[in-house]
PDB file of all heavy atoms in Angstrom:
ATOM      1  N   GLU A   1      95.334  93.655 115.175  1.00  0.00           N
ATOM      2  CA  GLU A   1      93.981  93.117 114.965  1.00  0.00           C
ATOM      3  C   GLU A   1      93.521  93.172 113.456  1.00  0.00           C
ATOM      4  O   GLU A   1      92.584  92.531 113.077  1.00  0.00           O
ATOM      5  CB  GLU A   1      92.912  93.853 115.799  1.00  0.00           C
ATOM      6  CG  GLU A   1      92.729  95.332 115.492  1.00  0.00           C
ATOM      7  CD  GLU A   1      93.724  96.281 116.065  1.00  0.00           C
ATOM      8  OE1 GLU A   1      94.662  95.862 116.662  1.00  0.00           O
ATOM      9  OE2 GLU A   1      93.436  97.538 116.002  1.00  0.00           O
ATOM     10  N   VAL A   2      94.276  93.973 112.645  1.00  0.00           N
ATOM     11  CA  VAL A   2      93.931  94.062 111.245  1.00  0.00           C
ATOM     12  C   VAL A   2      95.102  93.524 110.375  1.00  0.00           C
ATOM     13  O   VAL A   2      95.127  93.690 109.212  1.00  0.00           O
ATOM     14  CB  VAL A   2      93.612  95.484 110.797  1.00  0.00           C
ATOM     15  CG1 VAL A   2      92.313  95.927 111.415  1.00  0.00           C
ATOM     16  CG2 VAL A   2      94.748  96.453 111.064  1.00  0.00           C
ATOM     17  N   GLY A   3      96.088  92.875 111.068  1.00  0.00           N
ATOM     18  CA  GLY A   3      97.144  92.180 110.316  1.00  0.00           C
ATOM     19  C   GLY A   3      98.443  92.980 110.146  1.00  0.00           C
ATOM     20  O   GLY A   3      99.267  92.620 109.413  1.00  0.00           O
ATOM     21  N   GLU A   4      98.474  94.135 110.826  1.00  0.00           N
ATOM     22  CA  GLU A   4      99.689  94.955 110.703  1.00  0.00           C
ATOM     23  C   GLU A   4     100.722  94.515 111.644  1.00  0.00           C
ATOM     24  O   GLU A   4     100.455  94.018 112.649  1.00  0.00           O
ATOM     25  CB  GLU A   4      99.408  96.441 110.930  1.00  0.00           C
ATOM     26  CG  GLU A   4      98.662  97.167 109.801  1.00  0.00           C
ATOM     27  CD  GLU A   4      98.496  98.649 110.119  1.00  0.00           C
ATOM     28  OE1 GLU A   4      98.304  99.018 111.273  1.00  0.00           O
ATOM     29  OE2 GLU A   4      98.583  99.394 109.167  1.00  0.00           O
ATOM     30  N   THR A   5     101.967  94.664 111.220  1.00  0.00           N
ATOM     31  CA  THR A   5     103.129  94.415 112.063  1.00  0.00           C
ATOM     32  C   THR A   5     104.086  95.593 111.948  1.00  0.00           C
ATOM     33  O   THR A   5     103.776  96.509 111.201  1.00  0.00           O
ATOM     34  CB  THR A   5     103.928  93.123 111.631  1.00  0.00           C
ATOM     35  OG1 THR A   5     104.430  93.291 110.348  1.00  0.00           O
ATOM     36  CG2 THR A   5     102.901  91.857 111.612  1.00  0.00           C
ATOM     37  N   GLU A   6     105.227  95.436 112.549  1.00  0.00           N
ATOM     38  CA  GLU A   6     106.208  96.551 112.432  1.00  0.00           C
ATOM     39  C   GLU A   6     106.732  96.702 110.982  1.00  0.00           C
ATOM     40  O   GLU A   6     107.302  97.785 110.608  1.00  0.00           O
ATOM     41  CB  GLU A   6     107.461  96.388 113.355  1.00  0.00           C
ATOM     42  CG  GLU A   6     107.113  96.519 114.788  1.00  0.00           C
ATOM     43  CD  GLU A   6     106.450  95.243 115.408  1.00  0.00           C
ATOM     44  OE1 GLU A   6     106.382  94.194 114.755  1.00  0.00           O
ATOM     45  OE2 GLU A   6     106.051  95.295 116.612  1.00  0.00           O
ATOM     46  N   THR A   7     106.612  95.700 110.178  1.00  0.00           N
ATOM     47  CA  THR A   7     107.072  95.700 108.777  1.00  0.00           C
ATOM     48  C   THR A   7     105.938  95.452 107.767  1.00  0.00           C
ATOM     49  O   THR A   7     106.237  95.260 106.570  1.00  0.00           O
ATOM     50  CB  THR A   7     108.193  94.588 108.575  1.00  0.00           C
ATOM     51  OG1 THR A   7     107.631  93.368 108.905  1.00  0.00           O
ATOM     52  CG2 THR A   7     109.397  94.898 109.475  1.00  0.00           C
ATOM     53  N   ARG A   8     104.760  95.536 108.167  1.00  0.00           N
ATOM     54  CA  ARG A   8     103.588  95.386 107.327  1.00  0.00           C
ATOM     55  C   ARG A   8     102.587  96.478 107.617  1.00  0.00           C
ATOM     56  O   ARG A   8     101.994  96.464 108.663  1.00  0.00           O
ATOM     57  CB  ARG A   8     103.008  94.021 107.340  1.00  0.00           C
ATOM     58  CG  ARG A   8     101.807  93.849 106.338  1.00  0.00           C
ATOM     59  CD  ARG A   8     101.346  92.391 106.425  1.00  0.00           C
ATOM     60  NE  ARG A   8     100.082  92.149 105.646  1.00  0.00           N
ATOM     61  CZ  ARG A   8     100.049  91.952 104.359  1.00  0.00           C
ATOM     62  NH1 ARG A   8     101.076  91.896 103.643  1.00  0.00           N
ATOM     63  NH2 ARG A   8      98.845  91.760 103.798  1.00  0.00           N
ATOM     64  N   VAL A   9     102.388  97.431 106.703  1.00  0.00           N
ATOM     65  CA  VAL A   9     101.478  98.569 106.901  1.00  0.00           C
ATOM     66  C   VAL A   9     100.299  98.491 105.967  1.00  0.00           C
ATOM     67  O   VAL A   9     100.496  98.383 104.712  1.00  0.00           O
ATOM     68  CB  VAL A   9     102.263  99.883 106.621  1.00  0.00           C
ATOM     69  CG1 VAL A   9     101.354 101.087 106.862  1.00  0.00           C
ATOM     70  CG2 VAL A   9     103.540  99.958 107.500  1.00  0.00           C
ATOM     71  N   LEU A  10      99.097  98.550 106.514  1.00  0.00           N
ATOM     72  CA  LEU A  10      97.903  98.546 105.668  1.00  0.00           C
ATOM     73  C   LEU A  10      97.620  99.944 105.287  1.00  0.00           C
ATOM     74  O   LEU A  10      97.537 100.911 106.150  1.00  0.00           O
ATOM     75  CB  LEU A  10      96.696  97.903 106.376  1.00  0.00           C
ATOM     76  CG  LEU A  10      96.810  96.463 106.681  1.00  0.00           C
ATOM     77  CD1 LEU A  10      95.541  95.971 107.327  1.00  0.00           C
ATOM     78  CD2 LEU A  10      97.068  95.670 105.464  1.00  0.00           C
ATOM     79  N   MET A  11      97.390 100.199 103.956  1.00  0.00           N
ATOM     80  CA  MET A  11      96.988 101.562 103.492  1.00  0.00           C
ATOM     81  C   MET A  11      95.519 101.562 103.213  1.00  0.00           C
ATOM     82  O   MET A  11      94.922 100.495 102.961  1.00  0.00           O
ATOM     83  CB  MET A  11      97.801 101.849 102.237  1.00  0.00           C
ATOM     84  CG  MET A  11      99.301 101.808 102.316  1.00  0.00           C
ATOM     85  SD  MET A  11      99.992 102.922 103.658  1.00  0.00           S
ATOM     86  CE  MET A  11      99.930 104.469 102.683  1.00  0.00           C
ATOM     87  N   TRP A  12      94.914 102.788 103.248  1.00  0.00           N
ATOM     88  CA  TRP A  12      93.472 102.797 103.120  1.00  0.00           C
ATOM     89  C   TRP A  12      92.966 102.465 101.733  1.00  0.00           C
ATOM     90  O   TRP A  12      92.006 101.767 101.619  1.00  0.00           O
ATOM     91  CB  TRP A  12      93.095 104.298 103.431  1.00  0.00           C
ATOM     92  CG  TRP A  12      91.566 104.534 103.428  1.00  0.00           C
ATOM     93  CD1 TRP A  12      90.827 105.113 102.416  1.00  0.00           C
ATOM     94  CD2 TRP A  12      90.639 104.134 104.395  1.00  0.00           C
ATOM     95  NE1 TRP A  12      89.545 105.146 102.710  1.00  0.00           N
ATOM     96  CE2 TRP A  12      89.401 104.489 103.958  1.00  0.00           C
ATOM     97  CE3 TRP A  12      90.737 103.451 105.573  1.00  0.00           C
ATOM     98  CZ2 TRP A  12      88.206 104.288 104.671  1.00  0.00           C
ATOM     99  CZ3 TRP A  12      89.572 103.189 106.288  1.00  0.00           C
ATOM    100  CH2 TRP A  12      88.354 103.649 105.844  1.00  0.00           C
ATOM    101  N   SER A  13      93.668 102.874 100.706  1.00  0.00           N
ATOM    102  CA  SER A  13      93.226 102.616  99.340  1.00  0.00           C
ATOM    103  C   SER A  13      94.408 102.588  98.341  1.00  0.00           C
ATOM    104  O   SER A  13      95.509 103.027  98.716  1.00  0.00           O
ATOM    105  CB  SER A  13      92.228 103.679  98.899  1.00  0.00           C
ATOM    106  OG  SER A  13      92.852 104.946  98.629  1.00  0.00           O
ATOM    107  N   GLN A  14      94.168 102.254  97.133  1.00  0.00           N
ATOM    108  CA  GLN A  14      95.211 102.289  96.105  1.00  0.00           C
ATOM    109  C   GLN A  14      95.649 103.725  95.819  1.00  0.00           C
ATOM    110  O   GLN A  14      96.756 103.963  95.406  1.00  0.00           O
ATOM    111  CB  GLN A  14      94.744 101.582  94.866  1.00  0.00           C
ATOM    112  CG  GLN A  14      93.648 102.223  94.033  1.00  0.00           C
ATOM    113  CD  GLN A  14      92.316 101.566  94.289  1.00  0.00           C
ATOM    114  OE1 GLN A  14      92.086 101.060  95.312  1.00  0.00           O
ATOM    115  NE2 GLN A  14      91.437 101.661  93.350  1.00  0.00           N
ATOM    116  N   LEU A  15      94.781 104.690  96.058  1.00  0.00           N
ATOM    117  CA  LEU A  15      95.177 106.095  95.810  1.00  0.00           C
ATOM    118  C   LEU A  15      96.147 106.492  96.914  1.00  0.00           C
ATOM    119  O   LEU A  15      97.195 107.183  96.597  1.00  0.00           O
ATOM    120  CB  LEU A  15      93.914 106.972  95.912  1.00  0.00           C
ATOM    121  CG  LEU A  15      92.820 106.709  94.897  1.00  0.00           C
ATOM    122  CD1 LEU A  15      91.615 107.576  95.072  1.00  0.00           C
ATOM    123  CD2 LEU A  15      93.386 106.779  93.421  1.00  0.00           C
ATOM    124  N   GLU A  16      95.995 106.136  98.103  1.00  0.00           N
ATOM    125  CA  GLU A  16      96.923 106.435  99.215  1.00  0.00           C
ATOM    126  C   GLU A  16      98.258 105.643  98.940  1.00  0.00           C
ATOM    127  O   GLU A  16      99.330 106.222  99.176  1.00  0.00           O
ATOM    128  CB  GLU A  16      96.335 106.008 100.611  1.00  0.00           C
ATOM    129  CG  GLU A  16      97.182 106.405 101.734  1.00  0.00           C
ATOM    130  CD  GLU A  16      96.726 106.006 103.075  1.00  0.00           C
ATOM    131  OE1 GLU A  16      95.919 104.982 103.102  1.00  0.00           O
ATOM    132  OE2 GLU A  16      96.952 106.663 104.093  1.00  0.00           O
ATOM    133  N   LEU A  17      98.088 104.454  98.586  1.00  0.00           N
ATOM    134  CA  LEU A  17      99.339 103.622  98.294  1.00  0.00           C
ATOM    135  C   LEU A  17     100.123 104.194  97.060  1.00  0.00           C
ATOM    136  O   LEU A  17     101.337 104.235  97.071  1.00  0.00           O
ATOM    137  CB  LEU A  17      98.984 102.140  98.031  1.00  0.00           C
ATOM    138  CG  LEU A  17     100.186 101.171  97.865  1.00  0.00           C
ATOM    139  CD1 LEU A  17     100.961 101.135  99.143  1.00  0.00           C
ATOM    140  CD2 LEU A  17      99.632  99.786  97.496  1.00  0.00           C
ATOM    141  N   ASN A  18      99.346 104.679  96.036  1.00  0.00           N
ATOM    142  CA  ASN A  18      99.987 105.289  94.900  1.00  0.00           C
ATOM    143  C   ASN A  18     100.775 106.618  95.344  1.00  0.00           C
ATOM    144  O   ASN A  18     101.885 106.807  94.883  1.00  0.00           O
ATOM    145  CB  ASN A  18      98.993 105.594  93.842  1.00  0.00           C
ATOM    146  CG  ASN A  18      99.543 106.149  92.572  1.00  0.00           C
ATOM    147  OD1 ASN A  18     100.277 105.456  91.893  1.00  0.00           O
ATOM    148  ND2 ASN A  18      99.373 107.439  92.238  1.00  0.00           N
ATOM    149  N   ALA A  19     100.168 107.370  96.208  1.00  0.00           N
ATOM    150  CA  ALA A  19     100.826 108.580  96.651  1.00  0.00           C
ATOM    151  C   ALA A  19     102.120 108.255  97.404  1.00  0.00           C
ATOM    152  O   ALA A  19     103.142 108.871  97.258  1.00  0.00           O
ATOM    153  CB  ALA A  19      99.906 109.464  97.555  1.00  0.00           C
ATOM    154  N   LEU A  20     102.079 107.208  98.203  1.00  0.00           N
ATOM    155  CA  LEU A  20     103.248 106.742  98.853  1.00  0.00           C
ATOM    156  C   LEU A  20     104.341 106.245  97.903  1.00  0.00           C
ATOM    157  O   LEU A  20     105.522 106.671  98.023  1.00  0.00           O
ATOM    158  CB  LEU A  20     102.897 105.542  99.825  1.00  0.00           C
ATOM    159  CG  LEU A  20     104.106 104.974 100.568  1.00  0.00           C
ATOM    160  CD1 LEU A  20     104.489 105.805 101.812  1.00  0.00           C
ATOM    161  CD2 LEU A  20     103.724 103.545 101.144  1.00  0.00           C
ATOM    162  N   TYR A  21     103.897 105.465  96.920  1.00  0.00           N
ATOM    163  CA  TYR A  21     104.822 104.973  95.919  1.00  0.00           C
ATOM    164  C   TYR A  21     105.525 106.134  95.135  1.00  0.00           C
ATOM    165  O   TYR A  21     106.678 106.162  94.868  1.00  0.00           O
ATOM    166  CB  TYR A  21     104.154 104.063  94.943  1.00  0.00           C
ATOM    167  CG  TYR A  21     105.016 103.580  93.782  1.00  0.00           C
ATOM    168  CD1 TYR A  21     106.055 102.712  93.975  1.00  0.00           C
ATOM    169  CD2 TYR A  21     104.870 104.091  92.538  1.00  0.00           C
ATOM    170  CE1 TYR A  21     106.868 102.334  92.976  1.00  0.00           C
ATOM    171  CE2 TYR A  21     105.629 103.673  91.491  1.00  0.00           C
ATOM    172  CZ  TYR A  21     106.635 102.825  91.646  1.00  0.00           C
ATOM    173  OH  TYR A  21     107.505 102.474  90.652  1.00  0.00           O
ATOM    174  N   GLU A  22     104.700 107.131  94.744  1.00  0.00           N
ATOM    175  CA  GLU A  22     105.199 108.312  94.045  1.00  0.00           C
ATOM    176  C   GLU A  22     106.201 109.014  94.859  1.00  0.00           C
ATOM    177  O   GLU A  22     107.187 109.645  94.394  1.00  0.00           O
ATOM    178  CB  GLU A  22     104.084 109.194  93.540  1.00  0.00           C
ATOM    179  CG  GLU A  22     103.340 108.585  92.435  1.00  0.00           C
ATOM    180  CD  GLU A  22     102.141 109.479  91.971  1.00  0.00           C
ATOM    181  OE1 GLU A  22     101.629 110.280  92.812  1.00  0.00           O
ATOM    182  OE2 GLU A  22     101.761 109.371  90.744  1.00  0.00           O
ATOM    183  N   ARG A  23     106.042 109.033  96.164  1.00  0.00           N
ATOM    184  CA  ARG A  23     106.905 109.786  97.121  1.00  0.00           C
ATOM    185  C   ARG A  23     108.160 109.009  97.406  1.00  0.00           C
ATOM    186  O   ARG A  23     109.272 109.673  97.481  1.00  0.00           O
ATOM    187  CB  ARG A  23     106.106 110.126  98.416  1.00  0.00           C
ATOM    188  CG  ARG A  23     106.725 111.209  99.279  1.00  0.00           C
ATOM    189  CD  ARG A  23     105.808 111.533 100.440  1.00  0.00           C
ATOM    190  NE  ARG A  23     105.550 110.528 101.328  1.00  0.00           N
ATOM    191  CZ  ARG A  23     104.327 109.883 101.554  1.00  0.00           C
ATOM    192  NH1 ARG A  23     103.318 110.263 100.846  1.00  0.00           N
ATOM    193  NH2 ARG A  23     104.270 108.942 102.418  1.00  0.00           N
ATOM    194  N   ILE A  24     108.107 107.685  97.679  1.00  0.00           N
ATOM    195  CA  ILE A  24     109.347 107.006  98.088  1.00  0.00           C
ATOM    196  C   ILE A  24     109.793 105.900  97.153  1.00  0.00           C
ATOM    197  O   ILE A  24     110.846 105.354  97.396  1.00  0.00           O
ATOM    198  CB  ILE A  24     109.192 106.432  99.535  1.00  0.00           C
ATOM    199  CG1 ILE A  24     108.083 105.398  99.603  1.00  0.00           C
ATOM    200  CG2 ILE A  24     108.934 107.554 100.487  1.00  0.00           C
ATOM    201  CD1 ILE A  24     107.927 104.667 100.933  1.00  0.00           C
ATOM    202  N   GLY A  25     109.002 105.489  96.221  1.00  0.00           N
ATOM    203  CA  GLY A  25     109.402 104.430  95.305  1.00  0.00           C
ATOM    204  C   GLY A  25     109.177 103.100  95.989  1.00  0.00           C
ATOM    205  O   GLY A  25     108.396 102.956  96.830  1.00  0.00           O
ATOM    206  N   GLY A  26     109.989 102.138  95.423  1.00  0.00           N
ATOM    207  CA  GLY A  26     109.883 100.711  95.935  1.00  0.00           C
ATOM    208  C   GLY A  26     109.594  99.726  94.834  1.00  0.00           C
ATOM    209  O   GLY A  26     109.478 100.094  93.682  1.00  0.00           O
ATOM    210  N   THR A  27     109.348  98.486  95.222  1.00  0.00           N
ATOM    211  CA  THR A  27     108.960  97.451  94.296  1.00  0.00           C
ATOM    212  C   THR A  27     107.460  97.159  94.435  1.00  0.00           C
ATOM    213  O   THR A  27     106.987  96.924  95.538  1.00  0.00           O
ATOM    214  CB  THR A  27     109.781  96.147  94.575  1.00  0.00           C
ATOM    215  OG1 THR A  27     111.189  96.519  94.519  1.00  0.00           O
ATOM    216  CG2 THR A  27     109.490  95.074  93.582  1.00  0.00           C
ATOM    217  N   VAL A  28     106.804  97.117  93.296  1.00  0.00           N
ATOM    218  CA  VAL A  28     105.301  96.963  93.313  1.00  0.00           C
ATOM    219  C   VAL A  28     105.027  95.493  92.895  1.00  0.00           C
ATOM    220  O   VAL A  28     105.566  95.089  91.834  1.00  0.00           O
ATOM    221  CB  VAL A  28     104.618  97.908  92.371  1.00  0.00           C
ATOM    222  CG1 VAL A  28     103.088  97.755  92.486  1.00  0.00           C
ATOM    223  CG2 VAL A  28     104.967  99.317  92.774  1.00  0.00           C
ATOM    224  N   THR A  29     104.235  94.847  93.655  1.00  0.00           N
ATOM    225  CA  THR A  29     103.735  93.492  93.247  1.00  0.00           C
ATOM    226  C   THR A  29     102.222  93.382  93.488  1.00  0.00           C
ATOM    227  O   THR A  29     101.629  94.196  94.172  1.00  0.00           O
ATOM    228  CB  THR A  29     104.406  92.378  94.057  1.00  0.00           C
ATOM    229  OG1 THR A  29     104.208  92.598  95.486  1.00  0.00           O
ATOM    230  CG2 THR A  29     105.859  92.328  93.797  1.00  0.00           C
ATOM    231  N   SER A  30     101.662  92.398  92.900  1.00  0.00           N
ATOM    232  CA  SER A  30     100.113  92.226  93.041  1.00  0.00           C
ATOM    233  C   SER A  30      99.881  90.703  93.146  1.00  0.00           C
ATOM    234  O   SER A  30     100.585  89.904  92.458  1.00  0.00           O
ATOM    235  CB  SER A  30      99.478  92.748  91.770  1.00  0.00           C
ATOM    236  OG  SER A  30      98.126  92.485  91.781  1.00  0.00           O
ATOM    237  N   ARG A  31      98.957  90.336  93.875  1.00  0.00           N
ATOM    238  CA  ARG A  31      98.526  88.925  93.982  1.00  0.00           C
ATOM    239  C   ARG A  31      97.064  88.860  94.335  1.00  0.00           C
ATOM    240  O   ARG A  31      96.439  89.777  94.866  1.00  0.00           O
ATOM    241  CB  ARG A  31      99.383  88.219  95.069  1.00  0.00           C
ATOM    242  CG  ARG A  31      99.162  88.691  96.462  1.00  0.00           C
ATOM    243  CD  ARG A  31     100.040  88.007  97.433  1.00  0.00           C
ATOM    244  NE  ARG A  31      99.791  88.499  98.795  1.00  0.00           N
ATOM    245  CZ  ARG A  31      99.673  87.691  99.883  1.00  0.00           C
ATOM    246  NH1 ARG A  31      99.897  86.394  99.752  1.00  0.00           N
ATOM    247  NH2 ARG A  31      99.329  88.226 101.035  1.00  0.00           N
TER     248      ARG A  31
END
């Protein structure tokens, strides 16, 4: 109902997403 799928996860804020990125890495994009 909020657009999530098994491969798309919505994070609460950029602070939460930043903590995730610092923990596991990955490729960052913006649009």
